[in-house]
Amino acid sequence: LPDIKARISQQLAKFNAELASLGGPMGDGSSGNVVLSVITEFT
C-alpha cells in the first residue's frame, strides 16, 4: 500500500501537468491570450 500511494501521487502530478498543457479540463483560455502567449514564448 505505501508504494501504491506514492505511485498514485506521482501519476496524479504527471497527468495534472499534461492536462494543464492541454488547456485544462474544459480547454479554457481566450483565443487572443493563447496567441499572444505562444508568440511571446516562441520568440
Full PDB file with SEQRES, HELIX, SHEET, SSBOND, CRYST1, ORIGX, SCALE, CONECT and MASTER records, all heavy atoms in Angstrom:
SEQRES   1 A   43  LEU PRO ASP ILE LYS ALA ARG ILE SER GLN GLN LEU ALA          
SEQRES   2 A   43  LYS PHE ASN ALA GLU LEU ALA SER LEU GLY GLY PRO MET          
SEQRES   3 A   43  GLY ASP GLY SER SER GLY ASN VAL VAL LEU SER VAL ILE          
SEQRES   4 A   43  THR GLU PHE THR                                              
HELIX    1 AA1 PRO A    2  SER A   21  1                                  20    
HELIX    2 AA2 SER A   31  PHE A   42  1                                  12    
CRYST1    1.000    1.000    1.000  90.00  90.00  90.00 P 1           1          
ORIGX1      1.000000  0.000000  0.000000        0.00000                         
ORIGX2      0.000000  1.000000  0.000000        0.00000                         
ORIGX3      0.000000  0.000000  1.000000        0.00000                         
SCALE1      1.000000  0.000000  0.000000        0.00000                         
SCALE2      0.000000  1.000000  0.000000        0.00000                         
SCALE3      0.000000  0.000000  1.000000        0.00000                         
ATOM      1  N   LEU A   1       0.804  -1.233   0.000  1.00  0.00           N  
ATOM      2  CA  LEU A   1       0.000   0.000   0.000  1.00  0.00           C  
ATOM      3  C   LEU A   1       0.839   1.287   0.000  1.00  0.00           C  
ATOM      4  O   LEU A   1       0.510   2.230  -0.719  1.00  0.00           O  
ATOM      5  CB  LEU A   1      -0.965   0.012   1.178  1.00  0.00           C  
ATOM      6  CG  LEU A   1      -2.381  -0.495   0.876  1.00  0.00           C  
ATOM      7  CD1 LEU A   1      -3.243  -0.463   2.122  1.00  0.00           C  
ATOM      8  CD2 LEU A   1      -3.036   0.335  -0.229  1.00  0.00           C  
ATOM      9  N   PRO A   2       1.918   1.378   0.794  1.00  0.00           N  
ATOM     10  CA  PRO A   2       2.710   2.624   0.748  1.00  0.00           C  
ATOM     11  C   PRO A   2       3.227   2.933  -0.659  1.00  0.00           C  
ATOM     12  O   PRO A   2       3.197   4.083  -1.100  1.00  0.00           O  
ATOM     13  CB  PRO A   2       3.869   2.337   1.723  1.00  0.00           C  
ATOM     14  CG  PRO A   2       3.325   1.312   2.659  1.00  0.00           C  
ATOM     15  CD  PRO A   2       2.417   0.453   1.844  1.00  0.00           C  
ATOM     16  N   ASP A   3       3.691   1.878  -1.354  1.00  0.00           N  
ATOM     17  CA  ASP A   3       4.186   2.088  -2.713  1.00  0.00           C  
ATOM     18  C   ASP A   3       3.048   2.500  -3.646  1.00  0.00           C  
ATOM     19  O   ASP A   3       3.227   3.345  -4.530  1.00  0.00           O  
ATOM     20  CB  ASP A   3       4.851   0.805  -3.233  1.00  0.00           C  
ATOM     21  CG  ASP A   3       5.433   0.993  -4.623  1.00  0.00           C  
ATOM     22  OD1 ASP A   3       6.262   1.895  -4.800  1.00  0.00           O  
ATOM     23  OD2 ASP A   3       5.041   0.227  -5.531  1.00  0.00           O  
ATOM     24  N   ILE A   4       1.868   1.921  -3.454  1.00  0.00           N  
ATOM     25  CA  ILE A   4       0.709   2.272  -4.281  1.00  0.00           C  
ATOM     26  C   ILE A   4       0.353   3.745  -4.074  1.00  0.00           C  
ATOM     27  O   ILE A   4       0.085   4.479  -5.026  1.00  0.00           O  
ATOM     28  CB  ILE A   4      -0.493   1.363  -3.945  1.00  0.00           C  
ATOM     29  CG1 ILE A   4      -0.215  -0.063  -4.416  1.00  0.00           C  
ATOM     30  CG2 ILE A   4      -1.768   1.887  -4.588  1.00  0.00           C  
ATOM     31  CD1 ILE A   4      -1.264  -1.068  -3.992  1.00  0.00           C  
ATOM     32  N   LYS A   5       0.369   4.185  -2.810  1.00  0.00           N  
ATOM     33  CA  LYS A   5       0.070   5.594  -2.522  1.00  0.00           C  
ATOM     34  C   LYS A   5       1.052   6.513  -3.242  1.00  0.00           C  
ATOM     35  O   LYS A   5       0.663   7.511  -3.857  1.00  0.00           O  
ATOM     36  CB  LYS A   5       0.149   5.849  -1.017  1.00  0.00           C  
ATOM     37  CG  LYS A   5      -1.018   5.301  -0.219  1.00  0.00           C  
ATOM     38  CD  LYS A   5      -0.868   5.677   1.249  1.00  0.00           C  
ATOM     39  CE  LYS A   5      -2.043   5.180   2.082  1.00  0.00           C  
ATOM     40  NZ  LYS A   5      -1.927   5.563   3.500  1.00  0.00           N  
ATOM     41  N   ALA A   6       2.351   6.164  -3.176  1.00  0.00           N  
ATOM     42  CA  ALA A   6       3.370   7.006  -3.815  1.00  0.00           C  
ATOM     43  C   ALA A   6       3.177   7.040  -5.326  1.00  0.00           C  
ATOM     44  O   ALA A   6       3.301   8.093  -5.963  1.00  0.00           O  
ATOM     45  CB  ALA A   6       4.766   6.479  -3.473  1.00  0.00           C  
ATOM     46  N   ARG A   7       2.852   5.888  -5.910  1.00  0.00           N  
ATOM     47  CA  ARG A   7       2.661   5.825  -7.367  1.00  0.00           C  
ATOM     48  C   ARG A   7       1.436   6.630  -7.798  1.00  0.00           C  
ATOM     49  O   ARG A   7       1.453   7.298  -8.834  1.00  0.00           O  
ATOM     50  CB  ARG A   7       2.514   4.373  -7.817  1.00  0.00           C  
ATOM     51  CG  ARG A   7       3.823   3.604  -7.843  1.00  0.00           C  
ATOM     52  CD  ARG A   7       3.578   2.138  -8.212  1.00  0.00           C  
ATOM     53  NE  ARG A   7       4.824   1.405  -8.237  1.00  0.00           N  
ATOM     54  CZ  ARG A   7       5.591   1.276  -9.314  1.00  0.00           C  
ATOM     55  NH1 ARG A   7       5.227   1.846 -10.448  1.00  0.00           N  
ATOM     56  NH2 ARG A   7       6.706   0.584  -9.275  1.00  0.00           N  
ATOM     57  N   ILE A   8       0.377   6.552  -7.006  1.00  0.00           N  
ATOM     58  CA  ILE A   8      -0.834   7.320  -7.341  1.00  0.00           C  
ATOM     59  C   ILE A   8      -0.522   8.811  -7.324  1.00  0.00           C  
ATOM     60  O   ILE A   8      -0.909   9.549  -8.240  1.00  0.00           O  
ATOM     61  CB  ILE A   8      -1.978   6.979  -6.359  1.00  0.00           C  
ATOM     62  CG1 ILE A   8      -2.500   5.555  -6.623  1.00  0.00           C  
ATOM     63  CG2 ILE A   8      -3.124   7.984  -6.484  1.00  0.00           C  
ATOM     64  CD1 ILE A   8      -3.497   5.056  -5.595  1.00  0.00           C  
ATOM     65  N   SER A   9       0.209   9.282  -6.303  1.00  0.00           N  
ATOM     66  CA  SER A   9       0.568  10.710  -6.223  1.00  0.00           C  
ATOM     67  C   SER A   9       1.440  11.118  -7.404  1.00  0.00           C  
ATOM     68  O   SER A   9       1.253  12.195  -7.995  1.00  0.00           O  
ATOM     69  CB  SER A   9       1.310  10.997  -4.914  1.00  0.00           C  
ATOM     70  OG  SER A   9       0.484  10.696  -3.810  1.00  0.00           O  
ATOM     71  N   GLN A  10       2.389  10.249  -7.760  1.00  0.00           N  
ATOM     72  CA  GLN A  10       3.285  10.541  -8.875  1.00  0.00           C  
ATOM     73  C   GLN A  10       2.514  10.638 -10.195  1.00  0.00           C  
ATOM     74  O   GLN A  10       2.705  11.570 -10.976  1.00  0.00           O  
ATOM     75  CB  GLN A  10       4.346   9.437  -8.963  1.00  0.00           C  
ATOM     76  CG  GLN A  10       5.372   9.633 -10.051  1.00  0.00           C  
ATOM     77  CD  GLN A  10       6.331   8.454 -10.138  1.00  0.00           C  
ATOM     78  OE1 GLN A  10       6.224   7.487  -9.386  1.00  0.00           O  
ATOM     79  NE2 GLN A  10       7.260   8.511 -11.067  1.00  0.00           N  
ATOM     80  N   GLN A  11       1.626   9.671 -10.428  1.00  0.00           N  
ATOM     81  CA  GLN A  11       0.834   9.672 -11.662  1.00  0.00           C  
ATOM     82  C   GLN A  11      -0.109  10.876 -11.702  1.00  0.00           C  
ATOM     83  O   GLN A  11      -0.329  11.479 -12.757  1.00  0.00           O  
ATOM     84  CB  GLN A  11       0.016   8.379 -11.763  1.00  0.00           C  
ATOM     85  CG  GLN A  11       0.851   7.129 -11.986  1.00  0.00           C  
ATOM     86  CD  GLN A  11       1.460   7.098 -13.373  1.00  0.00           C  
ATOM     87  OE1 GLN A  11       0.803   7.438 -14.349  1.00  0.00           O  
ATOM     88  NE2 GLN A  11       2.718   6.715 -13.450  1.00  0.00           N  
ATOM     89  N   LEU A  12      -0.660  11.223 -10.540  1.00  0.00           N  
ATOM     90  CA  LEU A  12      -1.586  12.354 -10.480  1.00  0.00           C  
ATOM     91  C   LEU A  12      -0.876  13.647 -10.862  1.00  0.00           C  
ATOM     92  O   LEU A  12      -1.416  14.464 -11.631  1.00  0.00           O  
ATOM     93  CB  LEU A  12      -2.175  12.455  -9.067  1.00  0.00           C  
ATOM     94  CG  LEU A  12      -3.380  13.380  -8.886  1.00  0.00           C  
ATOM     95  CD1 LEU A  12      -4.504  13.002  -9.829  1.00  0.00           C  
ATOM     96  CD2 LEU A  12      -3.869  13.323  -7.440  1.00  0.00           C  
ATOM     97  N   ALA A  13       0.331  13.838 -10.357  1.00  0.00           N  
ATOM     98  CA  ALA A  13       1.098  15.042 -10.707  1.00  0.00           C  
ATOM     99  C   ALA A  13       1.407  15.069 -12.193  1.00  0.00           C  
ATOM    100  O   ALA A  13       1.307  16.112 -12.855  1.00  0.00           O  
ATOM    101  CB  ALA A  13       2.395  15.077  -9.888  1.00  0.00           C  
ATOM    102  N   LYS A  14       1.755  13.920 -12.737  1.00  0.00           N  
ATOM    103  CA  LYS A  14       2.102  13.839 -14.163  1.00  0.00           C  
ATOM    104  C   LYS A  14       0.903  14.199 -15.046  1.00  0.00           C  
ATOM    105  O   LYS A  14       1.009  15.003 -15.983  1.00  0.00           O  
ATOM    106  CB  LYS A  14       2.596  12.427 -14.477  1.00  0.00           C  
ATOM    107  CG  LYS A  14       2.787  12.133 -15.946  1.00  0.00           C  
ATOM    108  CD  LYS A  14       3.060  10.654 -16.172  1.00  0.00           C  
ATOM    109  CE  LYS A  14       2.882  10.298 -17.640  1.00  0.00           C  
ATOM    110  NZ  LYS A  14       2.975   8.850 -17.876  1.00  0.00           N  
ATOM    111  N   PHE A  15      -0.260  13.603 -14.743  1.00  0.00           N  
ATOM    112  CA  PHE A  15      -1.427  13.834 -15.591  1.00  0.00           C  
ATOM    113  C   PHE A  15      -2.015  15.232 -15.385  1.00  0.00           C  
ATOM    114  O   PHE A  15      -2.572  15.817 -16.317  1.00  0.00           O  
ATOM    115  CB  PHE A  15      -2.491  12.761 -15.350  1.00  0.00           C  
ATOM    116  CG  PHE A  15      -2.146  11.443 -15.982  1.00  0.00           C  
ATOM    117  CD1 PHE A  15      -1.982  10.309 -15.209  1.00  0.00           C  
ATOM    118  CD2 PHE A  15      -1.978  11.342 -17.350  1.00  0.00           C  
ATOM    119  CE1 PHE A  15      -1.656   9.096 -15.790  1.00  0.00           C  
ATOM    120  CE2 PHE A  15      -1.658  10.135 -17.942  1.00  0.00           C  
ATOM    121  CZ  PHE A  15      -1.492   9.004 -17.170  1.00  0.00           C  
ATOM    122  N   ASN A  16      -1.878  15.771 -14.173  1.00  0.00           N  
ATOM    123  CA  ASN A  16      -2.324  17.155 -13.966  1.00  0.00           C  
ATOM    124  C   ASN A  16      -1.491  18.124 -14.799  1.00  0.00           C  
ATOM    125  O   ASN A  16      -2.008  19.086 -15.354  1.00  0.00           O  
ATOM    126  CB  ASN A  16      -2.237  17.524 -12.483  1.00  0.00           C  
ATOM    127  CG  ASN A  16      -3.505  17.146 -11.720  1.00  0.00           C  
ATOM    128  OD1 ASN A  16      -4.609  17.242 -12.252  1.00  0.00           O  
ATOM    129  ND2 ASN A  16      -3.353  16.719 -10.484  1.00  0.00           N  
ATOM    130  N   ALA A  17      -0.181  17.854 -14.872  1.00  0.00           N  
ATOM    131  CA  ALA A  17       0.687  18.706 -15.692  1.00  0.00           C  
ATOM    132  C   ALA A  17       0.311  18.595 -17.168  1.00  0.00           C  
ATOM    133  O   ALA A  17       0.263  19.604 -17.890  1.00  0.00           O  
ATOM    134  CB  ALA A  17       2.151  18.305 -15.488  1.00  0.00           C  
ATOM    135  N   GLU A  18       0.031  17.377 -17.626  1.00  0.00           N  
ATOM    136  CA  GLU A  18      -0.364  17.201 -19.024  1.00  0.00           C  
ATOM    137  C   GLU A  18      -1.704  17.883 -19.291  1.00  0.00           C  
ATOM    138  O   GLU A  18      -1.902  18.497 -20.343  1.00  0.00           O  
ATOM    139  CB  GLU A  18      -0.450  15.711 -19.378  1.00  0.00           C  
ATOM    140  CG  GLU A  18      -0.762  15.483 -20.844  1.00  0.00           C  
ATOM    141  CD  GLU A  18      -0.798  14.022 -21.234  1.00  0.00           C  
ATOM    142  OE1 GLU A  18      -0.488  13.167 -20.383  1.00  0.00           O  
ATOM    143  OE2 GLU A  18      -1.155  13.730 -22.389  1.00  0.00           O  
ATOM    144  N   LEU A  19      -2.620  17.789 -18.331  1.00  0.00           N  
ATOM    145  CA  LEU A  19      -3.931  18.416 -18.501  1.00  0.00           C  
ATOM    146  C   LEU A  19      -3.794  19.931 -18.605  1.00  0.00           C  
ATOM    147  O   LEU A  19      -4.471  20.580 -19.405  1.00  0.00           O  
ATOM    148  CB  LEU A  19      -4.847  18.032 -17.326  1.00  0.00           C  
ATOM    149  CG  LEU A  19      -6.313  18.463 -17.440  1.00  0.00           C  
ATOM    150  CD1 LEU A  19      -6.952  17.851 -18.680  1.00  0.00           C  
ATOM    151  CD2 LEU A  19      -7.085  18.051 -16.192  1.00  0.00           C  
ATOM    152  N   ALA A  20      -2.884  20.485 -17.805  1.00  0.00           N  
ATOM    153  CA  ALA A  20      -2.656  21.937 -17.880  1.00  0.00           C  
ATOM    154  C   ALA A  20      -2.124  22.328 -19.255  1.00  0.00           C  
ATOM    155  O   ALA A  20      -2.510  23.357 -19.821  1.00  0.00           O  
ATOM    156  CB  ALA A  20      -1.672  22.358 -16.784  1.00  0.00           C  
ATOM    157  N   SER A  21      -1.242  21.491 -19.812  1.00  0.00           N  
ATOM    158  CA  SER A  21      -0.699  21.791 -21.144  1.00  0.00           C  
ATOM    159  C   SER A  21      -1.758  21.675 -22.227  1.00  0.00           C  
ATOM    160  O   SER A  21      -1.628  22.263 -23.301  1.00  0.00           O  
ATOM    161  CB  SER A  21       0.469  20.859 -21.458  1.00  0.00           C  
ATOM    162  OG  SER A  21       0.019  19.552 -21.738  1.00  0.00           O  
ATOM    163  N   LEU A  22      -2.813  20.908 -21.954  1.00  0.00           N  
ATOM    164  CA  LEU A  22      -3.901  20.747 -22.922  1.00  0.00           C  
ATOM    165  C   LEU A  22      -4.998  21.792 -22.731  1.00  0.00           C  
ATOM    166  O   LEU A  22      -6.052  21.706 -23.358  1.00  0.00           O  
ATOM    167  CB  LEU A  22      -4.505  19.339 -22.806  1.00  0.00           C  
ATOM    168  CG  LEU A  22      -3.581  18.174 -23.194  1.00  0.00           C  
ATOM    169  CD1 LEU A  22      -4.208  16.843 -22.818  1.00  0.00           C  
ATOM    170  CD2 LEU A  22      -3.269  18.209 -24.676  1.00  0.00           C  
ATOM    171  N   GLY A  23      -4.766  22.743 -21.840  1.00  0.00           N  
ATOM    172  CA  GLY A  23      -5.733  23.826 -21.653  1.00  0.00           C  
ATOM    173  C   GLY A  23      -6.726  23.579 -20.544  1.00  0.00           C  
ATOM    174  O   GLY A  23      -7.765  24.245 -20.493  1.00  0.00           O  
ATOM    175  N   GLY A  24      -6.456  22.627 -19.653  1.00  0.00           N  
ATOM    176  CA  GLY A  24      -7.374  22.366 -18.550  1.00  0.00           C  
ATOM    177  C   GLY A  24      -8.519  21.464 -18.962  1.00  0.00           C  
ATOM    178  O   GLY A  24      -8.659  21.083 -20.127  1.00  0.00           O  
ATOM    179  N   PRO A  25      -9.363  21.069 -18.000  1.00  0.00           N  
ATOM    180  CA  PRO A  25     -10.456  20.119 -18.282  1.00  0.00           C  
ATOM    181  C   PRO A  25     -11.405  20.582 -19.380  1.00  0.00           C  
ATOM    182  O   PRO A  25     -11.919  19.775 -20.142  1.00  0.00           O  
ATOM    183  CB  PRO A  25     -11.184  20.021 -16.935  1.00  0.00           C  
ATOM    184  CG  PRO A  25     -10.207  20.494 -15.915  1.00  0.00           C  
ATOM    185  CD  PRO A  25      -9.331  21.479 -16.591  1.00  0.00           C  
ATOM    186  N   MET A  26     -11.632  21.879 -19.482  1.00  0.00           N  
ATOM    187  CA  MET A  26     -12.583  22.385 -20.467  1.00  0.00           C  
ATOM    188  C   MET A  26     -11.898  23.031 -21.669  1.00  0.00           C  
ATOM    189  O   MET A  26     -12.548  23.582 -22.549  1.00  0.00           O  
ATOM    190  CB  MET A  26     -13.514  23.429 -19.810  1.00  0.00           C  
ATOM    191  CG  MET A  26     -14.230  22.930 -18.569  1.00  0.00           C  
ATOM    192  SD  MET A  26     -15.260  21.490 -18.925  1.00  0.00           S  
ATOM    193  CE  MET A  26     -16.487  22.243 -19.993  1.00  0.00           C  
ATOM    194  N   GLY A  27     -10.558  22.967 -21.717  1.00  0.00           N  
ATOM    195  CA  GLY A  27      -9.857  23.629 -22.814  1.00  0.00           C  
ATOM    196  C   GLY A  27     -10.012  25.130 -22.763  1.00  0.00           C  
ATOM    197  O   GLY A  27     -10.237  25.788 -23.773  1.00  0.00           O  
ATOM    198  N   ASP A  28      -9.913  25.698 -21.533  1.00  0.00           N  
ATOM    199  CA  ASP A  28     -10.180  27.124 -21.353  1.00  0.00           C  
ATOM    200  C   ASP A  28      -9.063  27.980 -21.936  1.00  0.00           C  
ATOM    201  O   ASP A  28      -7.986  27.518 -22.255  1.00  0.00           O  
ATOM    202  CB  ASP A  28     -10.320  27.441 -19.854  1.00  0.00           C  
ATOM    203  CG  ASP A  28     -11.500  26.698 -19.246  1.00  0.00           C  
ATOM    204  OD1 ASP A  28     -12.450  26.442 -19.994  1.00  0.00           O  
ATOM    205  OD2 ASP A  28     -11.447  26.375 -18.048  1.00  0.00           O  
ATOM    206  N   GLY A  29      -9.321  29.267 -22.012  1.00  0.00           N  
ATOM    207  CA  GLY A  29      -8.342  30.239 -22.483  1.00  0.00           C  
ATOM    208  C   GLY A  29      -8.864  30.972 -23.698  1.00  0.00           C  
ATOM    209  O   GLY A  29      -9.259  30.347 -24.675  1.00  0.00           O  
ATOM    210  N   SER A  30      -8.867  32.303 -23.632  1.00  0.00           N  
ATOM    211  CA  SER A  30      -9.365  33.076 -24.777  1.00  0.00           C  
ATOM    212  C   SER A  30      -8.362  32.976 -25.914  1.00  0.00           C  
ATOM    213  O   SER A  30      -7.158  32.869 -25.704  1.00  0.00           O  
ATOM    214  CB  SER A  30      -9.567  34.534 -24.381  1.00  0.00           C  
ATOM    215  OG  SER A  30      -8.325  35.153 -24.139  1.00  0.00           O  
ATOM    216  N   SER A  31      -8.886  33.052 -27.144  1.00  0.00           N  
ATOM    217  CA  SER A  31      -8.048  32.851 -28.320  1.00  0.00           C  
ATOM    218  C   SER A  31      -6.940  33.893 -28.407  1.00  0.00           C  
ATOM    219  O   SER A  31      -5.796  33.571 -28.738  1.00  0.00           O  
ATOM    220  CB  SER A  31      -8.911  32.869 -29.581  1.00  0.00           C  
ATOM    221  OG  SER A  31      -9.666  34.072 -29.637  1.00  0.00           O  
ATOM    222  N   GLY A  32      -7.277  35.148 -28.100  1.00  0.00           N  
ATOM    223  CA  GLY A  32      -6.270  36.201 -28.173  1.00  0.00           C  
ATOM    224  C   GLY A  32      -5.126  35.969 -27.205  1.00  0.00           C  
ATOM    225  O   GLY A  32      -3.949  36.114 -27.555  1.00  0.00           O  
ATOM    226  N   ASN A  33      -5.474  35.606 -25.968  1.00  0.00           N  
ATOM    227  CA  ASN A  33      -4.436  35.369 -24.961  1.00  0.00           C  
ATOM    228  C   ASN A  33      -3.542  34.201 -25.346  1.00  0.00           C  
ATOM    229  O   ASN A  33      -2.330  34.231 -25.118  1.00  0.00           O  
ATOM    230  CB  ASN A  33      -5.074  35.103 -23.593  1.00  0.00           C  
ATOM    231  CG  ASN A  33      -5.703  36.356 -23.013  1.00  0.00           C  
ATOM    232  OD1 ASN A  33      -5.394  37.460 -23.455  1.00  0.00           O  
ATOM    233  ND2 ASN A  33      -6.592  36.182 -22.044  1.00  0.00           N  
ATOM    234  N   VAL A  34      -4.139  33.163 -25.917  1.00  0.00           N  
ATOM    235  CA  VAL A  34      -3.351  31.989 -26.312  1.00  0.00           C  
ATOM    236  C   VAL A  34      -2.325  32.380 -27.367  1.00  0.00           C  
ATOM    237  O   VAL A  34      -1.141  32.029 -27.276  1.00  0.00           O  
ATOM    238  CB  VAL A  34      -4.274  30.865 -26.840  1.00  0.00           C  
ATOM    239  CG1 VAL A  34      -3.447  29.757 -27.476  1.00  0.00           C  
ATOM    240  CG2 VAL A  34      -5.127  30.302 -25.718  1.00  0.00           C  
ATOM    241  N   VAL A  35      -2.763  33.118 -28.386  1.00  0.00           N  
ATOM    242  CA  VAL A  35      -1.851  33.501 -29.463  1.00  0.00           C  
ATOM    243  C   VAL A  35      -0.757  34.427 -28.943  1.00  0.00           C  
ATOM    244  O   VAL A  35       0.427  34.256 -29.265  1.00  0.00           O  
ATOM    245  CB  VAL A  35      -2.634  34.168 -30.619  1.00  0.00           C  
ATOM    246  CG1 VAL A  35      -1.667  34.765 -31.644  1.00  0.00           C  
ATOM    247  CG2 VAL A  35      -3.549  33.165 -31.287  1.00  0.00           C  
ATOM    248  N   LEU A  36      -1.128  35.395 -28.102  1.00  0.00           N  
ATOM    249  CA  LEU A  36      -0.121  36.303 -27.545  1.00  0.00           C  
ATOM    250  C   LEU A  36       0.917  35.549 -26.728  1.00  0.00           C  
ATOM    251  O   LEU A  36       2.120  35.781 -26.850  1.00  0.00           O  
ATOM    252  CB  LEU A  36      -0.806  37.367 -26.672  1.00  0.00           C  
ATOM    253  CG  LEU A  36      -1.451  38.555 -27.388  1.00  0.00           C  
ATOM    254  CD1 LEU A  36      -2.147  39.451 -26.390  1.00  0.00           C  
ATOM    255  CD2 LEU A  36      -0.404  39.333 -28.168  1.00  0.00           C  
ATOM    256  N   SER A  37       0.440  34.632 -25.885  1.00  0.00           N  
ATOM    257  CA  SER A  37       1.369  33.911 -25.006  1.00  0.00           C  
ATOM    258  C   SER A  37       2.290  33.002 -25.812  1.00  0.00           C  
ATOM    259  O   SER A  37       3.481  32.880 -25.501  1.00  0.00           O  
ATOM    260  CB  SER A  37       0.603  33.102 -23.954  1.00  0.00           C  
ATOM    261  OG  SER A  37      -0.173  32.097 -24.573  1.00  0.00           O  
ATOM    262  N   VAL A  38       1.772  32.366 -26.875  1.00  0.00           N  
ATOM    263  CA  VAL A  38       2.613  31.453 -27.644  1.00  0.00           C  
ATOM    264  C   VAL A  38       3.632  32.236 -28.471  1.00  0.00           C  
ATOM    265  O   VAL A  38       4.773  31.788 -28.657  1.00  0.00           O  
ATOM    266  CB  VAL A  38       1.765  30.511 -28.535  1.00  0.00           C  
ATOM    267  CG1 VAL A  38       1.224  31.223 -29.760  1.00  0.00           C  
ATOM    268  CG2 VAL A  38       2.587  29.310 -28.974  1.00  0.00           C  
ATOM    269  N   ILE A  39       3.262  33.421 -28.953  1.00  0.00           N  
ATOM    270  CA  ILE A  39       4.228  34.255 -29.683  1.00  0.00           C  
ATOM    271  C   ILE A  39       5.352  34.686 -28.747  1.00  0.00           C  
ATOM    272  O   ILE A  39       6.537  34.619 -29.092  1.00  0.00           O  
ATOM    273  CB  ILE A  39       3.532  35.487 -30.298  1.00  0.00           C  
ATOM    274  CG1 ILE A  39       2.634  35.061 -31.463  1.00  0.00           C  
ATOM    275  CG2 ILE A  39       4.559  36.509 -30.771  1.00  0.00           C  
ATOM    276  CD1 ILE A  39       1.793  36.187 -32.037  1.00  0.00           C  
ATOM    277  N   THR A  40       4.972  35.107 -27.545  1.00  0.00           N  
ATOM    278  CA  THR A  40       5.982  35.532 -26.562  1.00  0.00           C  
ATOM    279  C   THR A  40       6.888  34.370 -26.184  1.00  0.00           C  
ATOM    280  O   THR A  40       8.121  34.508 -26.140  1.00  0.00           O  
ATOM    281  CB  THR A  40       5.292  36.091 -25.306  1.00  0.00           C  
ATOM    282  OG1 THR A  40       4.422  37.156 -25.684  1.00  0.00           O  
ATOM    283  CG2 THR A  40       6.320  36.585 -24.304  1.00  0.00           C  
ATOM    284  N   GLU A  41       6.274  33.208 -25.920  1.00  0.00           N  
ATOM    285  CA  GLU A  41       7.067  32.039 -25.530  1.00  0.00           C  
ATOM    286  C   GLU A  41       8.014  31.631 -26.653  1.00  0.00           C  
ATOM    287  O   GLU A  41       9.192  31.345 -26.417  1.00  0.00           O  
ATOM    288  CB  GLU A  41       6.140  30.866 -25.177  1.00  0.00           C  
ATOM    289  CG  GLU A  41       6.897  29.630 -24.703  1.00  0.00           C  
ATOM    290  CD  GLU A  41       5.975  28.463 -24.355  1.00  0.00           C  
ATOM    291  OE1 GLU A  41       4.746  28.608 -24.509  1.00  0.00           O  
ATOM    292  OE2 GLU A  41       6.496  27.412 -23.944  1.00  0.00           O  
ATOM    293  N   PHE A  42       7.508  31.624 -27.893  1.00  0.00           N  
ATOM    294  CA  PHE A  42       8.340  31.191 -29.019  1.00  0.00           C  
ATOM    295  C   PHE A  42       9.530  32.128 -29.214  1.00  0.00           C  
ATOM    296  O   PHE A  42      10.676  31.673 -29.356  1.00  0.00           O  
ATOM    297  CB  PHE A  42       7.502  31.135 -30.302  1.00  0.00           C  
ATOM    298  CG  PHE A  42       8.294  30.754 -31.518  1.00  0.00           C  
ATOM    299  CD1 PHE A  42       8.496  29.425 -31.848  1.00  0.00           C  
ATOM    300  CD2 PHE A  42       8.857  31.731 -32.335  1.00  0.00           C  
ATOM    301  CE1 PHE A  42       9.248  29.079 -32.957  1.00  0.00           C  
ATOM    302  CE2 PHE A  42       9.610  31.390 -33.445  1.00  0.00           C  
ATOM    303  CZ  PHE A  42       9.798  30.057 -33.753  1.00  0.00           C  
ATOM    304  N   THR A  43       9.270  33.437 -29.246  1.00  0.00           N  
ATOM    305  CA  THR A  43      10.361  34.376 -29.511  1.00  0.00           C  
ATOM    306  C   THR A  43      11.387  34.374 -28.377  1.00  0.00           C  
ATOM    307  O   THR A  43      12.593  34.495 -28.629  1.00  0.00           O  
ATOM    308  CB  THR A  43       9.809  35.795 -29.726  1.00  0.00           C  
ATOM    309  OG1 THR A  43       8.893  36.122 -28.674  1.00  0.00           O  
ATOM    310  CG2 THR A  43       9.073  35.889 -31.045  1.00  0.00           C  
TER     311      THR A  43                                                      
MASTER        0    0    0    2    0    0    0    6  310    1    0    4          
END                                                                             
